[in-house]
Structures are given as C-alpha cells and as structure tokens.
Amino acid sequence: MAETGFFRGEGGHVWELDLPLTESFARREQEGGLVRVNEDGSAFQGEAEEPEAPGTEPAARPSKSASKKDWVAYAVSQGADEAEAESQTRDELAEAYGDTEPQ
C-alpha cells in the first residue's frame, strides 16, 4: 500500500494524496498552494527530528527560490508562529523574512 499524506489546498479542503507527490502537486506545494497537514487539518509536525543542541547556529536564510518548508522553518527560527507561517505562501514568507540584512 502506498504511503499517503494529507494536504490543505487553497480552498481549505483537506485532501489525502499519495507520496511522493506527483510533479504537479509538488510544484503547487512549493508555491504554497498546498500545505501538508494532519488528517484533522491541524499543522503537520513532520517526522520526529533530533532536537537542536543548545548553542547551535541559527538557521541560515534560505534562497528566495527555496521550498516553502525551508521558508517556514526559517520564519519559525526567527520567532514566527508555526501555524501562521504555514498559512502563508512561500513568496509571502520570502518577502517578510528574506531581506533581513542591513542596508
């Protein structure tokens, strides 16, 4: 049986899709049109990851063309609420958190 994941589309409906995503769905996810969620629509936490060791370097600012997942992680590392960051598109996140360098 194929592995599946749940994704919220632009209209708010939660869809169960086969993983890995097809090229078309993967592109929509990267553009922010699909957001991975739990079956009940709550924010997806992903696979259990090792907690970051204290004193490690803060997340590096991703390139503008990086995936939405990378931008959400960066926004959260900068103090953003994870659910709020997940609700934004990749381009909105890049605009809000991308130009943090002094002029």
PDB file of N, CA and C in Angstrom:
ATOM      1  N   MET A   1       0.839  -1.177   0.000  1.00  0.00           N
ATOM      2  CA  MET A   1       0.000   0.000   0.000  1.00  0.00           C
ATOM      3  C   MET A   1       0.883   1.239   0.000  1.00  0.00           C
ATOM      4  N   ALA A   2       0.529   2.204  -0.805  1.00  0.00           N
ATOM      5  CA  ALA A   2       1.322   3.419  -0.944  1.00  0.00           C
ATOM      6  C   ALA A   2       1.201   4.293   0.300  1.00  0.00           C
ATOM      7  N   GLU A   3       2.276   4.980   0.621  1.00  0.00           N
ATOM      8  CA  GLU A   3       2.246   5.942   1.722  1.00  0.00           C
ATOM      9  C   GLU A   3       1.464   7.166   1.250  1.00  0.00           C
ATOM     10  N   THR A   4       0.681   7.732   2.153  1.00  0.00           N
ATOM     11  CA  THR A   4      -0.100   8.919   1.806  1.00  0.00           C
ATOM     12  C   THR A   4       0.161  10.025   2.813  1.00  0.00           C
ATOM     13  N   GLY A   5      -0.233  11.227   2.431  1.00  0.00           N
ATOM     14  CA  GLY A   5      -0.151  12.381   3.312  1.00  0.00           C
ATOM     15  C   GLY A   5      -1.379  13.245   3.098  1.00  0.00           C
ATOM     16  N   PHE A   6      -1.659  14.102   4.050  1.00  0.00           N
ATOM     17  CA  PHE A   6      -2.817  14.983   3.971  1.00  0.00           C
ATOM     18  C   PHE A   6      -2.340  16.396   3.673  1.00  0.00           C
ATOM     19  N   PHE A   7      -3.056  17.063   2.772  1.00  0.00           N
ATOM     20  CA  PHE A   7      -2.676  18.402   2.325  1.00  0.00           C
ATOM     21  C   PHE A   7      -3.910  19.288   2.260  1.00  0.00           C
ATOM     22  N   ARG A   8      -3.751  20.539   2.707  1.00  0.00           N
ATOM     23  CA  ARG A   8      -4.834  21.524   2.605  1.00  0.00           C
ATOM     24  C   ARG A   8      -4.572  22.345   1.353  1.00  0.00           C
ATOM     25  N   GLY A   9      -5.601  22.404   0.494  1.00  0.00           N
ATOM     26  CA  GLY A   9      -5.498  23.180  -0.727  1.00  0.00           C
ATOM     27  C   GLY A   9      -5.907  24.622  -0.494  1.00  0.00           C
ATOM     28  N   GLU A  10      -5.830  25.419  -1.537  1.00  0.00           N
ATOM     29  CA  GLU A  10      -6.133  26.850  -1.447  1.00  0.00           C
ATOM     30  C   GLU A  10      -7.558  27.115  -0.972  1.00  0.00           C
ATOM     31  N   GLY A  11      -8.498  26.222  -1.275  1.00  0.00           N
ATOM     32  CA  GLY A  11      -9.878  26.407  -0.850  1.00  0.00           C
ATOM     33  C   GLY A  11     -10.141  25.944   0.577  1.00  0.00           C
ATOM     34  N   GLY A  12      -9.123  25.394   1.253  1.00  0.00           N
ATOM     35  CA  GLY A  12      -9.271  24.965   2.630  1.00  0.00           C
ATOM     36  C   GLY A  12      -9.626  23.497   2.802  1.00  0.00           C
ATOM     37  N   HIS A  13      -9.909  22.800   1.695  1.00  0.00           N
ATOM     38  CA  HIS A  13     -10.270  21.382   1.771  1.00  0.00           C
ATOM     39  C   HIS A  13      -9.017  20.553   2.036  1.00  0.00           C
ATOM     40  N   VAL A  14      -9.121  19.510   2.859  1.00  0.00           N
ATOM     41  CA  VAL A  14      -8.001  18.618   3.147  1.00  0.00           C
ATOM     42  C   VAL A  14      -8.114  17.390   2.243  1.00  0.00           C
ATOM     43  N   TRP A  15      -7.043  17.121   1.512  1.00  0.00           N
ATOM     44  CA  TRP A  15      -7.003  16.001   0.566  1.00  0.00           C
ATOM     45  C   TRP A  15      -5.972  14.982   1.036  1.00  0.00           C
ATOM     46  N   GLU A  16      -6.254  13.698   0.827  1.00  0.00           N
ATOM     47  CA  GLU A  16      -5.278  12.641   1.076  1.00  0.00           C
ATOM     48  C   GLU A  16      -4.628  12.320  -0.262  1.00  0.00           C
ATOM     49  N   LEU A  17      -3.311  12.483  -0.345  1.00  0.00           N
ATOM     50  CA  LEU A  17      -2.585  12.289  -1.594  1.00  0.00           C
ATOM     51  C   LEU A  17      -1.484  11.257  -1.417  1.00  0.00           C
ATOM     52  N   ASP A  18      -1.192  10.514  -2.490  1.00  0.00           N
ATOM     53  CA  ASP A  18      -0.095   9.548  -2.472  1.00  0.00           C
ATOM     54  C   ASP A  18       1.236  10.279  -2.373  1.00  0.00           C
ATOM     55  N   LEU A  19       2.163   9.670  -1.634  1.00  0.00           N
ATOM     56  CA  LEU A  19       3.524  10.188  -1.517  1.00  0.00           C
ATOM     57  C   LEU A  19       4.452   9.240  -2.244  1.00  0.00           C
ATOM     58  N   PRO A  20       5.499   9.701  -2.884  1.00  0.00           N
ATOM     59  CA  PRO A  20       5.794  11.121  -3.044  1.00  0.00           C
ATOM     60  C   PRO A  20       4.774  11.782  -3.956  1.00  0.00           C
ATOM     61  N   LEU A  21       4.647  13.091  -3.806  1.00  0.00           N
ATOM     62  CA  LEU A  21       3.693  13.846  -4.616  1.00  0.00           C
ATOM     63  C   LEU A  21       4.096  13.813  -6.080  1.00  0.00           C
ATOM     64  N   THR A  22       3.102  13.861  -6.949  1.00  0.00           N
ATOM     65  CA  THR A  22       3.396  13.979  -8.377  1.00  0.00           C
ATOM     66  C   THR A  22       4.084  15.324  -8.613  1.00  0.00           C
ATOM     67  N   GLU A  23       4.694  15.473  -9.742  1.00  0.00           N
ATOM     68  CA  GLU A  23       5.401  16.715 -10.061  1.00  0.00           C
ATOM     69  C   GLU A  23       4.478  17.932  -9.961  1.00  0.00           C
ATOM     70  N   SER A  24       3.265  17.788 -10.449  1.00  0.00           N
ATOM     71  CA  SER A  24       2.306  18.895 -10.414  1.00  0.00           C
ATOM     72  C   SER A  24       1.954  19.294  -8.984  1.00  0.00           C
ATOM     73  N   PHE A  25       1.651  18.287  -8.128  1.00  0.00           N
ATOM     74  CA  PHE A  25       1.315  18.588  -6.738  1.00  0.00           C
ATOM     75  C   PHE A  25       2.535  19.118  -5.984  1.00  0.00           C
ATOM     76  N   ALA A  26       3.714  18.576  -6.282  1.00  0.00           N
ATOM     77  CA  ALA A  26       4.934  19.046  -5.612  1.00  0.00           C
ATOM     78  C   ALA A  26       5.185  20.517  -5.947  1.00  0.00           C
ATOM     79  N   ARG A  27       4.949  20.894  -7.187  1.00  0.00           N
ATOM     80  CA  ARG A  27       5.122  22.292  -7.594  1.00  0.00           C
ATOM     81  C   ARG A  27       4.119  23.185  -6.854  1.00  0.00           C
ATOM     82  N   ARG A  28       2.874  22.725  -6.737  1.00  0.00           N
ATOM     83  CA  ARG A  28       1.854  23.504  -6.002  1.00  0.00           C
ATOM     84  C   ARG A  28       2.239  23.641  -4.536  1.00  0.00           C
ATOM     85  N   GLU A  29       2.829  22.585  -3.962  1.00  0.00           N
ATOM     86  CA  GLU A  29       3.270  22.667  -2.561  1.00  0.00           C
ATOM     87  C   GLU A  29       4.400  23.696  -2.420  1.00  0.00           C
ATOM     88  N   GLN A  30       5.357  23.658  -3.332  1.00  0.00           N
ATOM     89  CA  GLN A  30       6.474  24.610  -3.287  1.00  0.00           C
ATOM     90  C   GLN A  30       5.992  26.048  -3.442  1.00  0.00           C
ATOM     91  N   GLU A  31       4.946  26.236  -4.224  1.00  0.00           N
ATOM     92  CA  GLU A  31       4.407  27.578  -4.450  1.00  0.00           C
ATOM     93  C   GLU A  31       3.453  28.014  -3.342  1.00  0.00           C
ATOM     94  N   GLY A  32       3.179  27.120  -2.392  1.00  0.00           N
ATOM     95  CA  GLY A  32       2.315  27.472  -1.272  1.00  0.00           C
ATOM     96  C   GLY A  32       0.845  27.171  -1.489  1.00  0.00           C
ATOM     97  N   GLY A  33       0.496  26.568  -2.619  1.00  0.00           N
ATOM     98  CA  GLY A  33      -0.901  26.247  -2.901  1.00  0.00           C
ATOM     99  C   GLY A  33      -1.391  25.010  -2.183  1.00  0.00           C
ATOM    100  N   LEU A  34      -0.473  24.178  -1.707  1.00  0.00           N
ATOM    101  CA  LEU A  34      -0.793  23.001  -0.895  1.00  0.00           C
ATOM    102  C   LEU A  34       0.084  23.063   0.352  1.00  0.00           C
ATOM    103  N   VAL A  35      -0.519  22.756   1.493  1.00  0.00           N
ATOM    104  CA  VAL A  35       0.222  22.748   2.756  1.00  0.00           C
ATOM    105  C   VAL A  35      -0.006  21.401   3.420  1.00  0.00           C
ATOM    106  N   ARG A  36       1.065  20.725   3.810  1.00  0.00           N
ATOM    107  CA  ARG A  36       0.932  19.427   4.486  1.00  0.00           C
ATOM    108  C   ARG A  36       0.309  19.649   5.857  1.00  0.00           C
ATOM    109  N   VAL A  37      -0.691  18.840   6.179  1.00  0.00           N
ATOM    110  CA  VAL A  37      -1.394  18.918   7.465  1.00  0.00           C
ATOM    111  C   VAL A  37      -1.626  17.503   7.981  1.00  0.00           C
ATOM    112  N   ASN A  38      -2.098  17.395   9.212  1.00  0.00           N
ATOM    113  CA  ASN A  38      -2.548  16.118   9.752  1.00  0.00           C
ATOM    114  C   ASN A  38      -3.936  15.824   9.194  1.00  0.00           C
ATOM    115  N   GLU A  39      -4.410  14.605   9.372  1.00  0.00           N
ATOM    116  CA  GLU A  39      -5.710  14.208   8.836  1.00  0.00           C
ATOM    117  C   GLU A  39      -6.833  15.139   9.294  1.00  0.00           C
ATOM    118  N   ASP A  40      -6.737  15.648  10.534  1.00  0.00           N
ATOM    119  CA  ASP A  40      -7.780  16.538  11.055  1.00  0.00           C
ATOM    120  C   ASP A  40      -7.592  18.000  10.623  1.00  0.00           C
ATOM    121  N   GLY A  41      -6.572  18.269   9.800  1.00  0.00           N
ATOM    122  CA  GLY A  41      -6.332  19.623   9.311  1.00  0.00           C
ATOM    123  C   GLY A  41      -5.396  20.445  10.171  1.00  0.00           C
ATOM    124  N   SER A  42      -4.955  19.900  11.310  1.00  0.00           N
ATOM    125  CA  SER A  42      -4.024  20.629  12.167  1.00  0.00           C
ATOM    126  C   SER A  42      -2.630  20.632  11.538  1.00  0.00           C
ATOM    127  N   ALA A  43      -1.772  21.530  12.005  1.00  0.00           N
ATOM    128  CA  ALA A  43      -0.426  21.689  11.441  1.00  0.00           C
ATOM    129  C   ALA A  43       0.354  20.374  11.522  1.00  0.00           C
ATOM    130  N   PHE A  44       0.981  19.999  10.423  1.00  0.00           N
ATOM    131  CA  PHE A  44       1.780  18.786  10.340  1.00  0.00           C
ATOM    132  C   PHE A  44       3.130  19.033  11.003  1.00  0.00           C
ATOM    133  N   GLN A  45       3.520  18.149  11.903  1.00  0.00           N
ATOM    134  CA  GLN A  45       4.783  18.317  12.618  1.00  0.00           C
ATOM    135  C   GLN A  45       5.940  17.598  11.938  1.00  0.00           C
ATOM    136  N   GLY A  46       5.671  16.752  10.993  1.00  0.00           N
ATOM    137  CA  GLY A  46       6.724  16.042  10.283  1.00  0.00           C
ATOM    138  C   GLY A  46       7.245  14.872  11.077  1.00  0.00           C
ATOM    139  N   GLU A  47       8.267  14.266  10.546  1.00  0.00           N
ATOM    140  CA  GLU A  47       8.901  13.139  11.210  1.00  0.00           C
ATOM    141  C   GLU A  47       9.606  13.650  12.457  1.00  0.00           C
ATOM    142  N   ALA A  48       9.703  12.798  13.462  1.00  0.00           N
ATOM    143  CA  ALA A  48      10.410  13.194  14.683  1.00  0.00           C
ATOM    144  C   ALA A  48      11.857  13.492  14.329  1.00  0.00           C
ATOM    145  N   GLU A  49      12.300  14.659  14.687  1.00  0.00           N
ATOM    146  CA  GLU A  49      13.663  15.069  14.393  1.00  0.00           C
ATOM    147  C   GLU A  49      14.421  15.230  15.690  1.00  0.00           C
ATOM    148  N   GLU A  50      15.735  15.143  15.574  1.00  0.00           N
ATOM    149  CA  GLU A  50      16.581  15.371  16.726  1.00  0.00           C
ATOM    150  C   GLU A  50      16.439  16.823  17.148  1.00  0.00           C
ATOM    151  N   PRO A  51      16.230  17.094  18.427  1.00  0.00           N
ATOM    152  CA  PRO A  51      16.168  18.488  18.853  1.00  0.00           C
ATOM    153  C   PRO A  51      17.510  19.163  18.625  1.00  0.00           C
ATOM    154  N   GLU A  52      17.462  20.429  18.296  1.00  0.00           N
ATOM    155  CA  GLU A  52      18.677  21.173  18.044  1.00  0.00           C
ATOM    156  C   GLU A  52      19.427  21.379  19.351  1.00  0.00           C
ATOM    157  N   ALA A  53      20.706  21.140  19.314  1.00  0.00           N
ATOM    158  CA  ALA A  53      21.521  21.292  20.520  1.00  0.00           C
ATOM    159  C   ALA A  53      21.620  22.768  20.892  1.00  0.00           C
ATOM    160  N   PRO A  54      21.587  23.072  22.189  1.00  0.00           N
ATOM    161  CA  PRO A  54      21.732  24.464  22.606  1.00  0.00           C
ATOM    162  C   PRO A  54      23.045  25.041  22.091  1.00  0.00           C
ATOM    163  N   GLY A  55      22.994  26.299  21.707  1.00  0.00           N
ATOM    164  CA  GLY A  55      24.197  26.971  21.243  1.00  0.00           C
ATOM    165  C   GLY A  55      24.520  26.738  19.779  1.00  0.00           C
ATOM    166  N   THR A  56      23.654  26.053  19.032  1.00  0.00           N
ATOM    167  CA  THR A  56      23.929  25.844  17.619  1.00  0.00           C
ATOM    168  C   THR A  56      23.616  27.112  16.849  1.00  0.00           C
ATOM    169  N   GLU A  57      24.134  27.197  15.681  1.00  0.00           N
ATOM    170  CA  GLU A  57      23.923  28.368  14.825  1.00  0.00           C
ATOM    171  C   GLU A  57      22.447  28.518  14.465  1.00  0.00           C
ATOM    172  N   PRO A  58      21.933  29.742  14.375  1.00  0.00           N
ATOM    173  CA  PRO A  58      20.554  29.923  13.911  1.00  0.00           C
ATOM    174  C   PRO A  58      20.448  29.508  12.451  1.00  0.00           C
ATOM    175  N   ALA A  59      19.237  29.189  12.032  1.00  0.00           N
ATOM    176  CA  ALA A  59      19.012  28.754  10.658  1.00  0.00           C
ATOM    177  C   ALA A  59      19.458  29.839   9.681  1.00  0.00           C
ATOM    178  N   ALA A  60      20.130  29.416   8.620  1.00  0.00           N
ATOM    179  CA  ALA A  60      20.563  30.360   7.593  1.00  0.00           C
ATOM    180  C   ALA A  60      19.363  30.748   6.741  1.00  0.00           C
ATOM    181  N   ARG A  61      19.318  32.014   6.321  1.00  0.00           N
ATOM    182  CA  ARG A  61      18.227  32.483   5.474  1.00  0.00           C
ATOM    183  C   ARG A  61      18.275  31.721   4.159  1.00  0.00           C
ATOM    184  N   PRO A  62      17.161  31.063   3.777  1.00  0.00           N
ATOM    185  CA  PRO A  62      17.140  30.311   2.518  1.00  0.00           C
ATOM    186  C   PRO A  62      17.121  31.244   1.309  1.00  0.00           C
ATOM    187  N   SER A  63      17.466  30.682   0.155  1.00  0.00           N
ATOM    188  CA  SER A  63      17.380  31.468  -1.078  1.00  0.00           C
ATOM    189  C   SER A  63      15.909  31.732  -1.384  1.00  0.00           C
ATOM    190  N   LYS A  64      15.633  32.770  -2.159  1.00  0.00           N
ATOM    191  CA  LYS A  64      14.250  33.115  -2.492  1.00  0.00           C
ATOM    192  C   LYS A  64      13.530  31.950  -3.167  1.00  0.00           C
ATOM    193  N   SER A  65      14.261  31.119  -3.907  1.00  0.00           N
ATOM    194  CA  SER A  65      13.638  30.011  -4.625  1.00  0.00           C
ATOM    195  C   SER A  65      13.588  28.719  -3.807  1.00  0.00           C
ATOM    196  N   ALA A  66      13.990  28.771  -2.530  1.00  0.00           N
ATOM    197  CA  ALA A  66      13.946  27.577  -1.676  1.00  0.00           C
ATOM    198  C   ALA A  66      12.504  27.133  -1.473  1.00  0.00           C
ATOM    199  N   SER A  67      12.322  25.918  -0.995  1.00  0.00           N
ATOM    200  CA  SER A  67      10.978  25.379  -0.793  1.00  0.00           C
ATOM    201  C   SER A  67      10.247  26.122   0.322  1.00  0.00           C
ATOM    202  N   LYS A  68       8.939  26.003   0.294  1.00  0.00           N
ATOM    203  CA  LYS A  68       8.132  26.628   1.339  1.00  0.00           C
ATOM    204  C   LYS A  68       8.518  26.050   2.698  1.00  0.00           C
ATOM    205  N   LYS A  69       8.780  24.752   2.749  1.00  0.00           N
ATOM    206  CA  LYS A  69       9.172  24.104   4.005  1.00  0.00           C
ATOM    207  C   LYS A  69      10.402  24.800   4.600  1.00  0.00           C
ATOM    208  N   ASP A  70      11.392  25.104   3.750  1.00  0.00           N
ATOM    209  CA  ASP A  70      12.594  25.799   4.223  1.00  0.00           C
ATOM    210  C   ASP A  70      12.260  27.190   4.755  1.00  0.00           C
ATOM    211  N   TRP A  71      11.372  27.892   4.048  1.00  0.00           N
ATOM    212  CA  TRP A  71      10.989  29.240   4.478  1.00  0.00           C
ATOM    213  C   TRP A  71      10.189  29.207   5.777  1.00  0.00           C
ATOM    214  N   VAL A  72       9.316  28.206   5.940  1.00  0.00           N
ATOM    215  CA  VAL A  72       8.558  28.085   7.195  1.00  0.00           C
ATOM    216  C   VAL A  72       9.527  27.843   8.345  1.00  0.00           C
ATOM    217  N   ALA A  73      10.474  26.920   8.149  1.00  0.00           N
ATOM    218  CA  ALA A  73      11.451  26.625   9.202  1.00  0.00           C
ATOM    219  C   ALA A  73      12.245  27.875   9.564  1.00  0.00           C
ATOM    220  N   TYR A  74      12.656  28.631   8.555  1.00  0.00           N
ATOM    221  CA  TYR A  74      13.416  29.854   8.819  1.00  0.00           C
ATOM    222  C   TYR A  74      12.560  30.883   9.558  1.00  0.00           C
ATOM    223  N   ALA A  75      11.323  31.069   9.117  1.00  0.00           N
ATOM    224  CA  ALA A  75      10.434  32.038   9.770  1.00  0.00           C
ATOM    225  C   ALA A  75      10.227  31.668  11.237  1.00  0.00           C
ATOM    226  N   VAL A  76      10.026  30.380  11.506  1.00  0.00           N
ATOM    227  CA  VAL A  76       9.837  29.924  12.881  1.00  0.00           C
ATOM    228  C   VAL A  76      11.111  30.177  13.688  1.00  0.00           C
ATOM    229  N   SER A  77      12.284  29.964  13.064  1.00  0.00           N
ATOM    230  CA  SER A  77      13.549  30.216  13.770  1.00  0.00           C
ATOM    231  C   SER A  77      13.735  31.697  14.075  1.00  0.00           C
ATOM    232  N   GLN A  78      12.999  32.542  13.348  1.00  0.00           N
ATOM    233  CA  GLN A  78      13.069  33.983  13.571  1.00  0.00           C
ATOM    234  C   GLN A  78      11.960  34.468  14.505  1.00  0.00           C
ATOM    235  N   GLY A  79      11.186  33.524  15.075  1.00  0.00           N
ATOM    236  CA  GLY A  79      10.174  33.881  16.056  1.00  0.00           C
ATOM    237  C   GLY A  79       8.740  33.852  15.565  1.00  0.00           C
ATOM    238  N   ALA A  80       8.521  33.465  14.306  1.00  0.00           N
ATOM    239  CA  ALA A  80       7.153  33.412  13.779  1.00  0.00           C
ATOM    240  C   ALA A  80       6.397  32.230  14.377  1.00  0.00           C
ATOM    241  N   ASP A  81       5.089  32.373  14.490  1.00  0.00           N
ATOM    242  CA  ASP A  81       4.227  31.281  14.906  1.00  0.00           C
ATOM    243  C   ASP A  81       4.173  30.267  13.766  1.00  0.00           C
ATOM    244  N   GLU A  82       4.362  28.977  14.076  1.00  0.00           N
ATOM    245  CA  GLU A  82       4.429  27.961  13.025  1.00  0.00           C
ATOM    246  C   GLU A  82       3.143  27.876  12.210  1.00  0.00           C
ATOM    247  N   ALA A  83       1.990  27.898  12.870  1.00  0.00           N
ATOM    248  CA  ALA A  83       0.723  27.804  12.145  1.00  0.00           C
ATOM    249  C   ALA A  83       0.528  29.002  11.224  1.00  0.00           C
ATOM    250  N   GLU A  84       0.912  30.187  11.696  1.00  0.00           N
ATOM    251  CA  GLU A  84       0.792  31.386  10.871  1.00  0.00           C
ATOM    252  C   GLU A  84       1.739  31.306   9.675  1.00  0.00           C
ATOM    253  N   ALA A  85       2.963  30.837   9.911  1.00  0.00           N
ATOM    254  CA  ALA A  85       3.924  30.697   8.814  1.00  0.00           C
ATOM    255  C   ALA A  85       3.419  29.685   7.786  1.00  0.00           C
ATOM    256  N   GLU A  86       2.832  28.580   8.251  1.00  0.00           N
ATOM    257  CA  GLU A  86       2.296  27.558   7.341  1.00  0.00           C
ATOM    258  C   GLU A  86       1.160  28.110   6.478  1.00  0.00           C
ATOM    259  N   SER A  87       0.440  29.095   7.005  1.00  0.00           N
ATOM    260  CA  SER A  87      -0.704  29.628   6.261  1.00  0.00           C
ATOM    261  C   SER A  87      -0.285  30.610   5.174  1.00  0.00           C
ATOM    262  N   GLN A  88       0.974  31.023   5.179  1.00  0.00           N
ATOM    263  CA  GLN A  88       1.458  31.968   4.177  1.00  0.00           C
ATOM    264  C   GLN A  88       2.068  31.224   2.994  1.00  0.00           C
ATOM    265  N   THR A  89       2.118  31.889   1.851  1.00  0.00           N
ATOM    266  CA  THR A  89       2.773  31.298   0.687  1.00  0.00           C
ATOM    267  C   THR A  89       4.276  31.456   0.833  1.00  0.00           C
ATOM    268  N   ARG A  90       5.005  30.701   0.050  1.00  0.00           N
ATOM    269  CA  ARG A  90       6.464  30.802   0.066  1.00  0.00           C
ATOM    270  C   ARG A  90       6.901  32.227  -0.256  1.00  0.00           C
ATOM    271  N   ASP A  91       6.261  32.845  -1.248  1.00  0.00           N
ATOM    272  CA  ASP A  91       6.641  34.199  -1.637  1.00  0.00           C
ATOM    273  C   ASP A  91       6.355  35.214  -0.524  1.00  0.00           C
ATOM    274  N   GLU A  92       5.249  35.026   0.198  1.00  0.00           N
ATOM    275  CA  GLU A  92       4.946  35.922   1.321  1.00  0.00           C
ATOM    276  C   GLU A  92       5.999  35.780   2.420  1.00  0.00           C
ATOM    277  N   LEU A  93       6.412  34.545   2.693  1.00  0.00           N
ATOM    278  CA  LEU A  93       7.448  34.315   3.701  1.00  0.00           C
ATOM    279  C   LEU A  93       8.779  34.937   3.264  1.00  0.00           C
ATOM    280  N   ALA A  94       9.126  34.755   1.988  1.00  0.00           N
ATOM    281  CA  ALA A  94      10.379  35.314   1.487  1.00  0.00           C
ATOM    282  C   ALA A  94      10.364  36.843   1.570  1.00  0.00           C
ATOM    283  N   GLU A  95       9.212  37.430   1.294  1.00  0.00           N
ATOM    284  CA  GLU A  95       9.102  38.886   1.381  1.00  0.00           C
ATOM    285  C   GLU A  95       9.212  39.363   2.830  1.00  0.00           C
ATOM    286  N   ALA A  96       8.565  38.639   3.738  1.00  0.00           N
ATOM    287  CA  ALA A  96       8.552  39.051   5.146  1.00  0.00           C
ATOM    288  C   ALA A  96       9.886  38.793   5.850  1.00  0.00           C
ATOM    289  N   TYR A  97      10.577  37.706   5.506  1.00  0.00           N
ATOM    290  CA  TYR A  97      11.778  37.319   6.242  1.00  0.00           C
ATOM    291  C   TYR A  97      13.047  37.300   5.385  1.00  0.00           C
ATOM    292  N   GLY A  98      12.925  37.610   4.113  1.00  0.00           N
ATOM    293  CA  GLY A  98      14.062  37.466   3.218  1.00  0.00           C
ATOM    294  C   GLY A  98      15.065  38.580   3.236  1.00  0.00           C
ATOM    295  N   ASP A  99      14.652  39.780   3.535  1.00  0.00           N
ATOM    296  CA  ASP A  99      15.565  40.914   3.468  1.00  0.00           C
ATOM    297  C   ASP A  99      15.901  41.388   4.874  1.00  0.00           C
ATOM    298  N   THR A 100      16.627  40.532   5.605  1.00  0.00           N
ATOM    299  CA  THR A 100      16.960  40.866   6.985  1.00  0.00           C
ATOM    300  C   THR A 100      18.377  41.404   7.121  1.00  0.00           C
ATOM    301  N   GLU A 101      19.070  41.534   6.007  1.00  0.00           N
ATOM    302  CA  GLU A 101      20.443  42.020   6.060  1.00  0.00           C
ATOM    303  C   GLU A 101      20.453  43.542   6.141  1.00  0.00           C
ATOM    304  N   PRO A 102      21.385  44.128   6.899  1.00  0.00           N
ATOM    305  CA  PRO A 102      21.465  45.586   6.976  1.00  0.00           C
ATOM    306  C   PRO A 102      21.792  46.183   5.618  1.00  0.00           C
ATOM    307  N   GLN A 103      21.244  47.334   5.359  1.00  0.00           N
ATOM    308  CA  GLN A 103      21.465  48.016   4.073  1.00  0.00           C
ATOM    309  C   GLN A 103      22.712  48.865   4.116  1.00  0.00           C
TER     310      GLN A 103
END
